[in-house]
Protein backbone atom coordinates (compact mmCIF):
# COMPACT_ATOMS: atom_id res chain seq x y z
CA MET A 1 2.54 20.40 -45.30
CA VAL A 2 1.36 17.86 -42.78
CA PRO A 3 2.66 14.36 -43.51
CA ALA A 4 -0.10 12.46 -45.30
CA GLY A 5 -0.40 9.77 -42.63
CA GLU A 6 -1.03 12.28 -39.84
CA ALA A 7 -3.63 14.28 -41.75
CA TRP A 8 -5.17 11.09 -43.11
CA ALA A 9 -5.94 9.91 -39.60
CA SER A 10 -6.79 13.25 -38.01
CA ASN A 11 -9.78 14.49 -40.02
CA GLY A 12 -11.41 11.21 -41.06
CA VAL A 13 -10.70 11.51 -44.79
CA SER A 14 -10.05 7.77 -45.18
CA GLN A 15 -13.43 7.01 -43.57
CA ALA A 16 -15.17 9.61 -45.77
CA ILE A 17 -13.67 8.08 -48.92
CA ALA A 18 -14.63 4.58 -47.73
CA ALA A 19 -18.22 5.79 -47.19
CA PHE A 20 -18.31 7.17 -50.75
CA THR A 21 -16.85 4.00 -52.31
CA GLY A 22 -18.59 1.51 -50.03
CA GLY A 23 -15.11 0.28 -49.10
CA ALA A 24 -14.25 -0.66 -52.70
CA ARG A 25 -10.67 -0.46 -53.95
CA THR A 26 -9.75 2.68 -55.89
CA LEU A 27 -7.48 2.75 -58.93
CA GLU A 28 -5.01 5.58 -59.57
CA ALA A 29 -6.05 6.48 -63.12
CA GLY A 30 -8.84 7.93 -65.20
CA LEU A 31 -9.27 11.32 -63.52
CA ARG A 32 -7.90 14.77 -64.27
CA LEU A 33 -7.72 17.09 -61.26
CA GLU A 34 -6.68 20.68 -61.88
CA VAL A 35 -5.62 22.50 -58.72
CA PRO A 36 -3.15 25.36 -58.35
CA GLU A 37 0.16 24.38 -56.75
CA ILE A 38 0.06 27.58 -54.69
CA ALA A 39 -3.15 29.26 -53.52
CA ASP A 40 -2.68 32.84 -52.36
CA ASN A 41 -6.18 32.87 -50.86
CA GLY A 42 -7.35 29.69 -49.15
CA GLY A 43 -10.87 31.12 -49.11
CA ALA A 44 -11.45 30.50 -52.82
CA VAL A 45 -9.24 27.82 -54.37
CA PRO A 46 -10.32 26.92 -57.93
CA ILE A 47 -10.72 23.20 -58.60
CA ARG A 48 -11.64 21.43 -61.83
CA VAL A 49 -12.14 17.69 -62.09
CA VAL A 50 -12.87 15.60 -65.19
CA ALA A 51 -13.49 11.86 -65.34
CA GLU A 52 -14.72 10.48 -68.65
CA GLY A 53 -17.33 7.81 -68.00
CA ALA A 54 -18.00 8.82 -64.37
CA ARG A 55 -21.41 8.64 -62.68
CA ARG A 56 -20.31 10.49 -59.55
CA ILE A 57 -17.28 12.47 -58.41
CA ALA A 58 -16.48 13.53 -54.83
CA LEU A 59 -13.78 15.92 -53.62
CA PHE A 60 -12.03 15.46 -50.28
CA THR A 61 -9.28 17.28 -48.37
CA ASP A 62 -6.90 15.83 -45.81
CA GLY A 63 -6.33 19.03 -43.83
CA ASN A 64 -9.75 20.64 -43.38
CA PRO A 65 -11.92 19.86 -40.35
CA TYR A 66 -14.54 18.22 -42.62
CA PRO A 67 -12.93 16.05 -45.31
CA ARG A 68 -15.75 15.82 -47.90
CA VAL A 69 -16.04 19.20 -49.58
CA ALA A 70 -18.16 18.50 -52.68
CA ALA A 71 -19.98 15.77 -54.59
CA PHE A 72 -21.34 15.75 -58.13
CA SER A 73 -23.65 13.32 -59.96
CA PHE A 74 -23.87 13.04 -63.73
CA GLY A 75 -26.64 11.72 -65.94
CA PRO A 76 -26.17 10.22 -69.40
CA LEU A 77 -26.47 13.62 -71.13
CA VAL A 78 -24.19 15.55 -68.74
CA PRO A 79 -20.41 15.66 -69.34
CA PRO A 80 -18.60 14.24 -66.27
CA ALA A 81 -16.72 17.41 -65.31
CA ALA A 82 -17.10 20.00 -62.58
CA THR A 83 -15.53 23.30 -61.58
CA ILE A 84 -15.82 24.72 -58.07
CA ARG A 85 -14.02 27.00 -55.62
CA ILE A 86 -13.36 25.51 -52.20
CA ARG A 87 -12.02 26.77 -48.89
CA LEU A 88 -8.77 25.34 -47.58
CA ALA A 89 -7.67 25.98 -44.01
CA LYS A 90 -3.98 25.31 -44.72
CA SER A 91 -1.61 23.61 -47.14
CA GLN A 92 -2.93 20.12 -47.84
CA ASN A 93 -3.93 17.54 -50.44
CA VAL A 94 -7.11 17.69 -52.51
CA ILE A 95 -8.38 14.22 -53.41
CA ALA A 96 -10.86 13.39 -56.19
CA VAL A 97 -12.67 10.04 -56.26
CA ALA A 98 -14.94 9.03 -59.13
CA GLU A 99 -17.42 6.20 -59.45
CA MET A 100 -17.26 5.02 -63.04
CA ALA A 101 -20.13 3.69 -65.15
CA ASP A 102 -18.77 0.14 -64.76
CA GLY A 103 -18.94 0.41 -60.95
CA THR A 104 -15.19 0.79 -60.35
CA PHE A 105 -13.68 3.73 -58.49
CA ARG A 106 -10.80 5.94 -59.62
CA ARG A 107 -8.85 8.44 -57.58
CA THR A 108 -6.16 11.08 -57.83
CA SER A 109 -4.80 13.82 -55.58
CA ARG A 110 -2.84 17.05 -55.79
CA ALA A 111 -0.99 19.03 -53.14
CA VAL A 112 -1.89 22.70 -52.64
CA ALA A 113 0.29 25.15 -50.74
CA VAL A 114 -1.96 27.76 -49.11
CA THR A 115 -0.35 31.08 -48.19
CA VAL A 116 -3.38 32.53 -46.32
CA GLY A 117 -5.88 30.04 -44.86
CA GLY A 118 -9.53 30.34 -45.82
CA CYS A 119 -11.23 28.83 -42.78
CA ALA A 120 -11.61 30.70 -39.54
């Protein structure tokens, strides 16, 4: 894996997260991110994210050329959970950031080891 600081600076993930949060501080709690530890095929990595009380959730990666890979919005009648398959170019971190109903932001991340990259 690429050290977090190097990847963080190289693909603009910190700027993408700041754009999503409006520069607000993020707390490390309140989200569940399910990602496999090892992905045999980087072309279709299953991701599930749940954040009770969230209005929006965005997914970012720190090793892909474009850091923001998905965004979801939830209304009052929609459970704040999403499942998606994403492409990962190499082993890296997947980061979930949620905007909660009270206006705060929560975040969590998980490392994924990719055996065969999914981006050409």
